Amino acid sequence: MTISEIIRQGLHYARTCKSHWLFGFFVGIASGGSSSGGGGGDGAGGVTVGIGGVSTGIGSVTTGIGRPFGLSVTAITLIVVVIILALVAAIVMRYVSEGALIEGVVRARQGGTMTTREGFRAGWAHWGVLVRIELLYFAATIGSLALLAAPCVIALKALGPLGGVALGIPALLIAVPWLVTLYLVQAFASRIAVLENRHALDAIGKSRLFLHGRLMHGLKLIVAMFVGTLVIVILGLVAIVPVALLLAALIPLLRLFPVIVLGCLVLLPAIYVLTAMVGTLRSSIWTIGYVTEVES
C-alpha cells in the first residue's frame, strides 16, 4: 500500500467508526504532543509525570498554606486519593482503548461493526499485555539511551567538549535508527498481542521477525500517521477558529461568563470529536499496516 492509501483508509475509519470515538479520545489524549500513536508509550509517560505534578502541587499548597480553602486534612487526603484513582483509571482506560481500537478496526475491515460495550470487553481482555509490552519498550529505550550516553559522558569529562562531541555524533547516528526500530517493534507487537492473543515476550519476538525486511514499511506508517494527524488537525482548526473568533466578538455584548459557558457548550464537543478522530486514526494506521502485510 502507498502512503496515500494508508492515510485514506485511516481517515475513513476515523470519520465513520463513531462507536470507536470514546476509545479514540483516550488514545488521542495519551498520544497528544508526542509522535507515539502505535502504542502510546510517550502518552503514558506524560500521565505519570502528571501524577508527580499533582502531588507536588498539592504538597506545596499544603506546606505553604496548611489547610487550603479551609479544608481539613481528611478532606485534602480524600481529594488526593480521588485524583490518584482518576489518573490510574485514565491510564488503564488508555490501554483498554488501544485494545478496543485494534479489534474494532479489524472488524471494520471485514465489514463488521463493534459496539462500545464490545469494545470495552475486547480492550479489557488485552490491556494487561499492552501495559507489559509498553513497560518492556520503556525499559529497552531507557537502557539503550543510558548505554549510548555513558561513553559520551566519560569522553566529555576526560577529553572535554571536543571529546564529547566526537563520540556524541556517532552515538546520535546509532540512537535514531535504533530507537525508531524499538518503536516499530513495540507498535507491531501490540497488534500481534491483541489479534493473535499472545503474551508480551512472544508478541515482541514475533514483531521482530515481522519487521525483518519491512523497515521501510514501518517508516511509511510513521509518515502516514503524521500526515493523517496533520490533516485532521488542520480541518479541525478551520472549523473551530472561526467559532472561537465569533465567541470572542460576543464578549462586549454578552459579557465574559455567558460567552465562556457558550464556548464550553460549542467548543468542547468539537474538541472531543477532533481528539477522538486523531486517536482513532493513529491507532488504525498501525493496525492497517500490520494486517495488510499479513494478508499479502
C-alpha atoms as a PDB file:
ATOM      1  CA  MET A   1       0.000   0.000   0.000  1.00  0.00           C
ATOM      2  CA  THR A   2       1.118   3.522  -0.696  1.00  0.00           C
ATOM      3  CA  ILE A   3       1.237   6.195   1.987  1.00  0.00           C
ATOM      4  CA  SER A   4      -1.782   7.969   0.478  1.00  0.00           C
ATOM      5  CA  GLU A   5      -3.824   4.739   0.536  1.00  0.00           C
ATOM      6  CA  ILE A   6      -2.949   4.148   4.172  1.00  0.00           C
ATOM      7  CA  ILE A   7      -3.901   7.721   5.081  1.00  0.00           C
ATOM      8  CA  ARG A   8      -7.166   7.453   3.161  1.00  0.00           C
ATOM      9  CA  GLN A   9      -8.147   4.248   4.968  1.00  0.00           C
ATOM     10  CA  GLY A  10      -7.155   5.678   8.344  1.00  0.00           C
ATOM     11  CA  LEU A  11      -9.218   8.822   7.755  1.00  0.00           C
ATOM     12  CA  HIS A  12     -12.159   6.678   6.634  1.00  0.00           C
ATOM     13  CA  TYR A  13     -12.194   4.694   9.893  1.00  0.00           C
ATOM     14  CA  ALA A  14     -11.628   7.821  11.961  1.00  0.00           C
ATOM     15  CA  ARG A  15     -14.617   9.509  10.326  1.00  0.00           C
ATOM     16  CA  THR A  16     -17.096   6.632  10.005  1.00  0.00           C
ATOM     17  CA  CYS A  17     -16.466   4.427  13.063  1.00  0.00           C
ATOM     18  CA  LYS A  18     -18.204   6.673  15.587  1.00  0.00           C
ATOM     19  CA  SER A  19     -18.516   3.838  18.119  1.00  0.00           C
ATOM     20  CA  HIS A  20     -14.698   3.965  18.324  1.00  0.00           C
ATOM     21  CA  TRP A  21     -14.551   7.632  19.260  1.00  0.00           C
ATOM     22  CA  LEU A  22     -14.676   7.117  23.020  1.00  0.00           C
ATOM     23  CA  PHE A  23     -11.624   4.866  22.784  1.00  0.00           C
ATOM     24  CA  GLY A  24     -10.003   7.139  20.234  1.00  0.00           C
ATOM     25  CA  PHE A  25     -10.423  10.046  22.643  1.00  0.00           C
ATOM     26  CA  PHE A  26      -8.278   8.371  25.326  1.00  0.00           C
ATOM     27  CA  VAL A  27      -5.685   7.255  22.790  1.00  0.00           C
ATOM     28  CA  GLY A  28      -5.664  10.745  21.287  1.00  0.00           C
ATOM     29  CA  ILE A  29      -5.101  12.368  24.687  1.00  0.00           C
ATOM     30  CA  ALA A  30      -2.303   9.919  25.516  1.00  0.00           C
ATOM     31  CA  SER A  31      -0.559  10.498  22.193  1.00  0.00           C
ATOM     32  CA  GLY A  32      -1.130  14.263  22.167  1.00  0.00           C
ATOM     33  CA  GLY A  33       2.089  16.219  21.954  1.00  0.00           C
ATOM     34  CA  SER A  34       4.099  13.125  21.071  1.00  0.00           C
ATOM     35  CA  SER A  35       4.804  11.084  17.974  1.00  0.00           C
ATOM     36  CA  SER A  36       3.615   7.888  19.595  1.00  0.00           C
ATOM     37  CA  GLY A  37       0.443   6.513  18.059  1.00  0.00           C
ATOM     38  CA  GLY A  38       1.168   2.857  17.872  1.00  0.00           C
ATOM     39  CA  GLY A  39       1.450   2.072  21.489  1.00  0.00           C
ATOM     40  CA  GLY A  40       1.333   5.386  23.203  1.00  0.00           C
ATOM     41  CA  GLY A  41       4.436   4.992  25.293  1.00  0.00           C
ATOM     42  CA  ASP A  42       5.094   8.708  25.456  1.00  0.00           C
ATOM     43  CA  GLY A  43       1.468   9.330  26.293  1.00  0.00           C
ATOM     44  CA  ALA A  44       1.619   7.010  29.283  1.00  0.00           C
ATOM     45  CA  GLY A  45       4.808   8.737  30.372  1.00  0.00           C
ATOM     46  CA  GLY A  46       3.002  12.060  30.210  1.00  0.00           C
ATOM     47  CA  VAL A  47       0.322  10.759  32.590  1.00  0.00           C
ATOM     48  CA  THR A  48       2.966   9.576  35.002  1.00  0.00           C
ATOM     49  CA  VAL A  49       4.553  12.996  35.021  1.00  0.00           C
ATOM     50  CA  GLY A  50       1.113  14.406  35.598  1.00  0.00           C
ATOM     51  CA  ILE A  51       0.763  12.320  38.761  1.00  0.00           C
ATOM     52  CA  GLY A  52       4.016  13.735  40.050  1.00  0.00           C
ATOM     53  CA  GLY A  53       2.912  17.240  39.165  1.00  0.00           C
ATOM     54  CA  VAL A  54      -0.361  16.887  41.075  1.00  0.00           C
ATOM     55  CA  SER A  55       1.388  15.517  44.119  1.00  0.00           C
ATOM     56  CA  THR A  56       3.962  18.293  44.054  1.00  0.00           C
ATOM     57  CA  GLY A  57       1.330  20.962  43.586  1.00  0.00           C
ATOM     58  CA  ILE A  58      -0.787  19.732  46.474  1.00  0.00           C
ATOM     59  CA  GLY A  59       2.291  19.348  48.618  1.00  0.00           C
ATOM     60  CA  SER A  60       3.319  22.941  48.003  1.00  0.00           C
ATOM     61  CA  VAL A  61      -0.172  24.206  48.796  1.00  0.00           C
ATOM     62  CA  THR A  62      -0.323  22.168  51.973  1.00  0.00           C
ATOM     63  CA  THR A  63       3.120  23.336  53.089  1.00  0.00           C
ATOM     64  CA  GLY A  64       2.610  26.972  52.243  1.00  0.00           C
ATOM     65  CA  ILE A  65      -0.947  27.427  53.477  1.00  0.00           C
ATOM     66  CA  GLY A  66      -1.502  24.479  55.764  1.00  0.00           C
ATOM     67  CA  ARG A  67      -5.223  23.964  55.070  1.00  0.00           C
ATOM     68  CA  PRO A  68      -6.187  25.498  51.707  1.00  0.00           C
ATOM     69  CA  PHE A  69      -9.773  26.702  51.319  1.00  0.00           C
ATOM     70  CA  GLY A  70     -10.400  25.770  54.940  1.00  0.00           C
ATOM     71  CA  LEU A  71     -10.353  22.039  54.149  1.00  0.00           C
ATOM     72  CA  SER A  72      -9.460  19.532  56.826  1.00  0.00           C
ATOM     73  CA  VAL A  73      -6.560  17.126  56.490  1.00  0.00           C
ATOM     74  CA  THR A  74      -9.052  14.314  55.899  1.00  0.00           C
ATOM     75  CA  ALA A  75     -10.727  16.210  53.060  1.00  0.00           C
ATOM     76  CA  ILE A  76      -7.374  17.009  51.452  1.00  0.00           C
ATOM     77  CA  THR A  77      -6.349  13.359  51.723  1.00  0.00           C
ATOM     78  CA  LEU A  78      -9.594  12.254  50.092  1.00  0.00           C
ATOM     79  CA  ILE A  79      -9.097  14.718  47.266  1.00  0.00           C
ATOM     80  CA  VAL A  80      -5.567  13.436  46.672  1.00  0.00           C
ATOM     81  CA  VAL A  81      -6.796   9.829  46.699  1.00  0.00           C
ATOM     82  CA  VAL A  82      -9.583  10.659  44.241  1.00  0.00           C
ATOM     83  CA  ILE A  83      -7.132  12.401  41.902  1.00  0.00           C
ATOM     84  CA  ILE A  84      -4.711   9.471  42.013  1.00  0.00           C
ATOM     85  CA  LEU A  85      -7.510   6.953  41.410  1.00  0.00           C
ATOM     86  CA  ALA A  86      -8.783   9.044  38.495  1.00  0.00           C
ATOM     87  CA  LEU A  87      -5.315   9.134  36.930  1.00  0.00           C
ATOM     88  CA  VAL A  88      -4.883   5.384  37.389  1.00  0.00           C
ATOM     89  CA  ALA A  89      -8.289   4.825  35.791  1.00  0.00           C
ATOM     90  CA  ALA A  90      -7.277   7.085  32.880  1.00  0.00           C
ATOM     91  CA  ILE A  91      -4.077   5.084  32.350  1.00  0.00           C
ATOM     92  CA  VAL A  92      -5.985   1.788  32.399  1.00  0.00           C
ATOM     93  CA  MET A  93      -8.595   3.244  30.050  1.00  0.00           C
ATOM     94  CA  ARG A  94      -5.851   4.320  27.657  1.00  0.00           C
ATOM     95  CA  TYR A  95      -4.718   0.692  27.199  1.00  0.00           C
ATOM     96  CA  VAL A  96      -8.272  -0.653  27.177  1.00  0.00           C
ATOM     97  CA  SER A  97      -8.968   1.835  24.390  1.00  0.00           C
ATOM     98  CA  GLU A  98      -5.918   0.757  22.406  1.00  0.00           C
ATOM     99  CA  GLY A  99      -7.012  -2.876  22.516  1.00  0.00           C
ATOM    100  CA  ALA A 100     -10.567  -1.916  21.563  1.00  0.00           C
ATOM    101  CA  LEU A 101      -9.404   0.153  18.589  1.00  0.00           C
ATOM    102  CA  ILE A 102      -7.165  -2.615  17.270  1.00  0.00           C
ATOM    103  CA  GLU A 103     -10.015  -5.114  17.430  1.00  0.00           C
ATOM    104  CA  GLY A 104     -12.535  -2.616  16.085  1.00  0.00           C
ATOM    105  CA  VAL A 105     -10.525  -1.650  13.001  1.00  0.00           C
ATOM    106  CA  VAL A 106     -10.039  -5.307  12.062  1.00  0.00           C
ATOM    107  CA  ARG A 107     -13.790  -5.877  12.348  1.00  0.00           C
ATOM    108  CA  ALA A 108     -14.473  -2.781  10.254  1.00  0.00           C
ATOM    109  CA  ARG A 109     -12.089  -4.041   7.562  1.00  0.00           C
ATOM    110  CA  GLN A 110     -14.061  -7.281   7.471  1.00  0.00           C
ATOM    111  CA  GLY A 111     -17.341  -5.408   7.069  1.00  0.00           C
ATOM    112  CA  GLY A 112     -18.438  -5.836  10.682  1.00  0.00           C
ATOM    113  CA  THR A 113     -19.123  -3.410  13.476  1.00  0.00           C
ATOM    114  CA  MET A 114     -18.159  -3.130  17.129  1.00  0.00           C
ATOM    115  CA  THR A 115     -20.364  -1.556  19.783  1.00  0.00           C
ATOM    116  CA  THR A 116     -18.905   0.396  22.674  1.00  0.00           C
ATOM    117  CA  ARG A 117     -19.726  -2.475  25.045  1.00  0.00           C
ATOM    118  CA  GLU A 118     -17.963  -4.970  22.798  1.00  0.00           C
ATOM    119  CA  GLY A 119     -15.027  -2.580  22.605  1.00  0.00           C
ATOM    120  CA  PHE A 120     -14.757  -2.452  26.391  1.00  0.00           C
ATOM    121  CA  ARG A 121     -14.861  -6.254  26.515  1.00  0.00           C
ATOM    122  CA  ALA A 122     -12.140  -6.622  23.881  1.00  0.00           C
ATOM    123  CA  GLY A 123      -9.974  -3.897  25.384  1.00  0.00           C
ATOM    124  CA  TRP A 124     -10.269  -5.228  28.923  1.00  0.00           C
ATOM    125  CA  ALA A 125      -9.145  -8.677  27.764  1.00  0.00           C
ATOM    126  CA  HIS A 126      -5.872  -7.276  26.408  1.00  0.00           C
ATOM    127  CA  TRP A 127      -4.980  -4.152  28.381  1.00  0.00           C
ATOM    128  CA  GLY A 128      -2.610  -6.036  30.687  1.00  0.00           C
ATOM    129  CA  VAL A 129      -0.436  -7.412  27.892  1.00  0.00           C
ATOM    130  CA  LEU A 130      -0.345  -3.969  26.253  1.00  0.00           C
ATOM    131  CA  VAL A 131       0.941  -2.481  29.506  1.00  0.00           C
ATOM    132  CA  ARG A 132       3.650  -5.172  29.754  1.00  0.00           C
ATOM    133  CA  ILE A 133       4.747  -4.515  26.179  1.00  0.00           C
ATOM    134  CA  GLU A 134       4.851  -0.804  26.962  1.00  0.00           C
ATOM    135  CA  LEU A 135       6.978  -1.347  30.069  1.00  0.00           C
ATOM    136  CA  LEU A 136       9.417  -3.569  28.182  1.00  0.00           C
ATOM    137  CA  TYR A 137       9.649  -0.957  25.437  1.00  0.00           C
ATOM    138  CA  PHE A 138      10.239   1.779  28.003  1.00  0.00           C
ATOM    139  CA  ALA A 139      12.952  -0.265  29.747  1.00  0.00           C
ATOM    140  CA  ALA A 140      14.660  -1.036  26.430  1.00  0.00           C
ATOM    141  CA  THR A 141      14.559   2.639  25.434  1.00  0.00           C
ATOM    142  CA  ILE A 142      15.990   3.888  28.731  1.00  0.00           C
ATOM    143  CA  GLY A 143      18.644   1.168  28.744  1.00  0.00           C
ATOM    144  CA  SER A 144      19.665   1.974  25.179  1.00  0.00           C
ATOM    145  CA  LEU A 145      19.924   5.686  25.879  1.00  0.00           C
ATOM    146  CA  ALA A 146      21.977   5.057  29.001  1.00  0.00           C
ATOM    147  CA  LEU A 147      24.305   2.698  27.129  1.00  0.00           C
ATOM    148  CA  LEU A 148      24.832   5.207  24.324  1.00  0.00           C
ATOM    149  CA  ALA A 149      25.184   8.206  26.625  1.00  0.00           C
ATOM    150  CA  ALA A 150      27.714   6.652  29.025  1.00  0.00           C
ATOM    151  CA  PRO A 151      30.734   6.768  26.631  1.00  0.00           C
ATOM    152  CA  CYS A 152      29.846  10.341  25.661  1.00  0.00           C
ATOM    153  CA  VAL A 153      29.761  11.457  29.293  1.00  0.00           C
ATOM    154  CA  ILE A 154      33.079   9.731  30.002  1.00  0.00           C
ATOM    155  CA  ALA A 155      34.680  11.321  26.935  1.00  0.00           C
ATOM    156  CA  LEU A 156      33.279  14.720  27.916  1.00  0.00           C
ATOM    157  CA  LYS A 157      34.845  14.527  31.361  1.00  0.00           C
ATOM    158  CA  ALA A 158      38.123  13.032  30.188  1.00  0.00           C
ATOM    159  CA  LEU A 159      38.702  14.919  26.949  1.00  0.00           C
ATOM    160  CA  GLY A 160      36.468  17.961  27.256  1.00  0.00           C
ATOM    161  CA  PRO A 161      33.755  19.208  24.901  1.00  0.00           C
ATOM    162  CA  LEU A 162      35.640  18.097  21.785  1.00  0.00           C
ATOM    163  CA  GLY A 163      35.765  14.502  23.009  1.00  0.00           C
ATOM    164  CA  GLY A 164      32.074  14.579  23.949  1.00  0.00           C
ATOM    165  CA  VAL A 165      31.123  15.846  20.505  1.00  0.00           C
ATOM    166  CA  ALA A 166      33.408  13.306  18.809  1.00  0.00           C
ATOM    167  CA  LEU A 167      31.564  10.437  20.456  1.00  0.00           C
ATOM    168  CA  GLY A 168      28.183  12.183  20.599  1.00  0.00           C
ATOM    169  CA  ILE A 169      27.716  12.389  16.823  1.00  0.00           C
ATOM    170  CA  PRO A 170      28.248   8.639  16.194  1.00  0.00           C
ATOM    171  CA  ALA A 171      26.079   7.859  19.220  1.00  0.00           C
ATOM    172  CA  LEU A 172      23.303  10.005  17.769  1.00  0.00           C
ATOM    173  CA  LEU A 173      23.621   8.298  14.385  1.00  0.00           C
ATOM    174  CA  ILE A 174      23.213   4.953  16.124  1.00  0.00           C
ATOM    175  CA  ALA A 175      20.484   6.087  18.514  1.00  0.00           C
ATOM    176  CA  VAL A 176      17.986   7.435  15.967  1.00  0.00           C
ATOM    177  CA  PRO A 177      17.564   4.284  13.811  1.00  0.00           C
ATOM    178  CA  TRP A 178      17.756   2.042  16.878  1.00  0.00           C
ATOM    179  CA  LEU A 179      15.064   3.947  18.782  1.00  0.00           C
ATOM    180  CA  VAL A 180      12.863   4.034  15.682  1.00  0.00           C
ATOM    181  CA  THR A 181      13.297   0.259  15.387  1.00  0.00           C
ATOM    182  CA  LEU A 182      12.313  -0.217  19.031  1.00  0.00           C
ATOM    183  CA  TYR A 183       9.240   1.917  18.454  1.00  0.00           C
ATOM    184  CA  LEU A 184       8.239  -0.129  15.396  1.00  0.00           C
ATOM    185  CA  VAL A 185       8.718  -3.389  17.282  1.00  0.00           C
ATOM    186  CA  GLN A 186       6.516  -2.109  20.103  1.00  0.00           C
ATOM    187  CA  ALA A 187       3.793  -0.864  17.735  1.00  0.00           C
ATOM    188  CA  PHE A 188       3.557  -4.145  15.828  1.00  0.00           C
ATOM    189  CA  ALA A 189       3.875  -6.225  18.999  1.00  0.00           C
ATOM    190  CA  SER A 190       0.758  -4.523  20.373  1.00  0.00           C
ATOM    191  CA  ARG A 191      -1.213  -5.617  17.290  1.00  0.00           C
ATOM    192  CA  ILE A 192       0.182  -9.136  17.423  1.00  0.00           C
ATOM    193  CA  ALA A 193      -0.655  -9.466  21.129  1.00  0.00           C
ATOM    194  CA  VAL A 194      -4.282  -8.377  20.607  1.00  0.00           C
ATOM    195  CA  LEU A 195      -5.064 -10.036  17.284  1.00  0.00           C
ATOM    196  CA  GLU A 196      -3.230 -13.297  17.949  1.00  0.00           C
ATOM    197  CA  ASN A 197      -3.762 -13.424  21.710  1.00  0.00           C
ATOM    198  CA  ARG A 198      -0.049 -13.726  22.517  1.00  0.00           C
ATOM    199  CA  HIS A 199       1.935 -12.966  25.651  1.00  0.00           C
ATOM    200  CA  ALA A 200       4.152  -9.881  25.746  1.00  0.00           C
ATOM    201  CA  LEU A 201       7.532 -11.534  25.103  1.00  0.00           C
ATOM    202  CA  ASP A 202       6.042 -13.818  22.470  1.00  0.00           C
ATOM    203  CA  ALA A 203       4.449 -10.846  20.690  1.00  0.00           C
ATOM    204  CA  ILE A 204       7.694  -8.868  20.800  1.00  0.00           C
ATOM    205  CA  GLY A 205       9.616 -11.831  19.404  1.00  0.00           C
ATOM    206  CA  LYS A 206       7.191 -12.243  16.517  1.00  0.00           C
ATOM    207  CA  SER A 207       7.202  -8.480  15.943  1.00  0.00           C
ATOM    208  CA  ARG A 208      10.990  -8.565  15.495  1.00  0.00           C
ATOM    209  CA  LEU A 209      10.603 -11.302  12.908  1.00  0.00           C
ATOM    210  CA  PHE A 210       7.757  -9.451  11.212  1.00  0.00           C
ATOM    211  CA  LEU A 211       9.806  -6.254  10.985  1.00  0.00           C
ATOM    212  CA  HIS A 212      12.715  -8.053   9.308  1.00  0.00           C
ATOM    213  CA  GLY A 213      12.769  -6.714   5.748  1.00  0.00           C
ATOM    214  CA  ARG A 214       9.846  -4.367   6.473  1.00  0.00           C
ATOM    215  CA  LEU A 215      11.661  -1.395   7.969  1.00  0.00           C
ATOM    216  CA  MET A 216      10.641   0.858   5.074  1.00  0.00           C
ATOM    217  CA  HIS A 217       7.039  -0.240   5.558  1.00  0.00           C
ATOM    218  CA  GLY A 218       7.247   0.842   9.189  1.00  0.00           C
ATOM    219  CA  LEU A 219       8.689   4.213   8.197  1.00  0.00           C
ATOM    220  CA  LYS A 220       5.821   4.668   5.722  1.00  0.00           C
ATOM    221  CA  LEU A 221       3.363   4.124   8.575  1.00  0.00           C
ATOM    222  CA  ILE A 222       5.113   6.772  10.691  1.00  0.00           C
ATOM    223  CA  VAL A 223       4.845   9.258   7.809  1.00  0.00           C
ATOM    224  CA  ALA A 224       1.203   8.298   7.197  1.00  0.00           C
ATOM    225  CA  MET A 225       0.389   8.748  10.882  1.00  0.00           C
ATOM    226  CA  PHE A 226       1.984  12.202  10.943  1.00  0.00           C
ATOM    227  CA  VAL A 227       0.341  13.403   7.726  1.00  0.00           C
ATOM    228  CA  GLY A 228      -3.063  11.973   8.659  1.00  0.00           C
ATOM    229  CA  THR A 229      -2.924  13.640  12.063  1.00  0.00           C
ATOM    230  CA  LEU A 230      -1.954  16.922  10.411  1.00  0.00           C
ATOM    231  CA  VAL A 231      -4.927  16.690   8.036  1.00  0.00           C
ATOM    232  CA  ILE A 232      -7.407  16.190  10.885  1.00  0.00           C
ATOM    233  CA  VAL A 233      -5.873  18.964  12.992  1.00  0.00           C
ATOM    234  CA  ILE A 234      -5.901  21.464  10.099  1.00  0.00           C
ATOM    235  CA  LEU A 235      -9.520  20.665   9.207  1.00  0.00           C
ATOM    236  CA  GLY A 236     -10.453  20.908  12.879  1.00  0.00           C
ATOM    237  CA  LEU A 237      -8.801  24.303  13.230  1.00  0.00           C
ATOM    238  CA  VAL A 238     -10.552  25.546  10.095  1.00  0.00           C
ATOM    239  CA  ALA A 239     -13.868  24.673  11.756  1.00  0.00           C
ATOM    240  CA  ILE A 240     -13.049  25.744  15.333  1.00  0.00           C
ATOM    241  CA  VAL A 241     -11.110  29.006  14.879  1.00  0.00           C
ATOM    242  CA  PRO A 242     -13.962  30.990  13.231  1.00  0.00           C
ATOM    243  CA  VAL A 243     -16.330  29.877  16.014  1.00  0.00           C
ATOM    244  CA  ALA A 244     -13.789  30.916  18.661  1.00  0.00           C
ATOM    245  CA  LEU A 245     -13.356  34.315  16.993  1.00  0.00           C
ATOM    246  CA  LEU A 246     -17.135  34.788  16.862  1.00  0.00           C
ATOM    247  CA  LEU A 247     -17.403  33.976  20.575  1.00  0.00           C
ATOM    248  CA  ALA A 248     -14.637  36.475  21.323  1.00  0.00           C
ATOM    249  CA  ALA A 249     -16.544  39.122  19.389  1.00  0.00           C
ATOM    250  CA  LEU A 250     -19.621  38.447  21.532  1.00  0.00           C
ATOM    251  CA  ILE A 251     -17.829  39.249  24.805  1.00  0.00           C
ATOM    252  CA  PRO A 252     -18.656  43.010  24.723  1.00  0.00           C
ATOM    253  CA  LEU A 253     -22.320  42.168  24.077  1.00  0.00           C
ATOM    254  CA  LEU A 254     -22.908  39.209  26.435  1.00  0.00           C
ATOM    255  CA  ARG A 255     -20.126  39.711  28.982  1.00  0.00           C
ATOM    256  CA  LEU A 256     -17.409  37.193  29.735  1.00  0.00           C
ATOM    257  CA  PHE A 257     -19.144  34.488  31.803  1.00  0.00           C
ATOM    258  CA  PRO A 258     -22.049  33.781  29.385  1.00  0.00           C
ATOM    259  CA  VAL A 259     -19.564  33.611  26.487  1.00  0.00           C
ATOM    260  CA  ILE A 260     -17.404  31.150  28.427  1.00  0.00           C
ATOM    261  CA  VAL A 261     -20.443  28.954  29.088  1.00  0.00           C
ATOM    262  CA  LEU A 262     -21.494  29.170  25.443  1.00  0.00           C
ATOM    263  CA  GLY A 263     -17.927  28.419  24.338  1.00  0.00           C
ATOM    264  CA  CYS A 264     -17.821  25.295  26.512  1.00  0.00           C
ATOM    265  CA  LEU A 265     -21.121  24.085  25.065  1.00  0.00           C
ATOM    266  CA  VAL A 266     -19.958  24.629  21.500  1.00  0.00           C
ATOM    267  CA  LEU A 267     -16.203  24.039  21.513  1.00  0.00           C
ATOM    268  CA  LEU A 268     -15.770  21.179  23.992  1.00  0.00           C
ATOM    269  CA  PRO A 269     -17.796  18.702  21.888  1.00  0.00           C
ATOM    270  CA  ALA A 270     -15.827  19.770  18.809  1.00  0.00           C
ATOM    271  CA  ILE A 271     -12.514  19.273  20.620  1.00  0.00           C
ATOM    272  CA  TYR A 272     -13.713  15.864  21.848  1.00  0.00           C
ATOM    273  CA  VAL A 273     -14.558  14.748  18.297  1.00  0.00           C
ATOM    274  CA  LEU A 274     -11.268  16.102  16.956  1.00  0.00           C
ATOM    275  CA  THR A 275      -9.230  14.308  19.645  1.00  0.00           C
ATOM    276  CA  ALA A 276     -11.219  11.096  19.165  1.00  0.00           C
ATOM    277  CA  MET A 277     -10.645  11.127  15.415  1.00  0.00           C
ATOM    278  CA  VAL A 278      -6.922  11.714  15.854  1.00  0.00           C
ATOM    279  CA  GLY A 279      -6.626   8.803  18.287  1.00  0.00           C
ATOM    280  CA  THR A 280      -8.682   6.517  16.068  1.00  0.00           C
ATOM    281  CA  LEU A 281      -6.622   7.446  13.021  1.00  0.00           C
ATOM    282  CA  ARG A 282      -3.244   6.957  14.693  1.00  0.00           C
ATOM    283  CA  SER A 283      -4.161   3.549  16.064  1.00  0.00           C
ATOM    284  CA  SER A 284      -5.909   2.372  12.899  1.00  0.00           C
ATOM    285  CA  ILE A 285      -2.937   3.225  10.683  1.00  0.00           C
ATOM    286  CA  TRP A 286      -0.712   0.804  12.586  1.00  0.00           C
ATOM    287  CA  THR A 287      -3.394  -1.879  12.549  1.00  0.00           C
ATOM    288  CA  ILE A 288      -3.935  -1.402   8.810  1.00  0.00           C
ATOM    289  CA  GLY A 289      -0.186  -1.554   8.245  1.00  0.00           C
ATOM    290  CA  TYR A 290       0.150  -4.835  10.128  1.00  0.00           C
ATOM    291  CA  VAL A 291      -2.968  -6.581   8.817  1.00  0.00           C
ATOM    292  CA  THR A 292      -2.351  -5.734   5.151  1.00  0.00           C
ATOM    293  CA  GLU A 293       1.174  -7.131   5.343  1.00  0.00           C
ATOM    294  CA  VAL A 294      -0.032 -10.340   6.977  1.00  0.00           C
ATOM    295  CA  GLU A 295      -2.761 -10.758   4.359  1.00  0.00           C
ATOM    296  CA  SER A 296      -0.431 -10.107   1.403  1.00  0.00           C
END
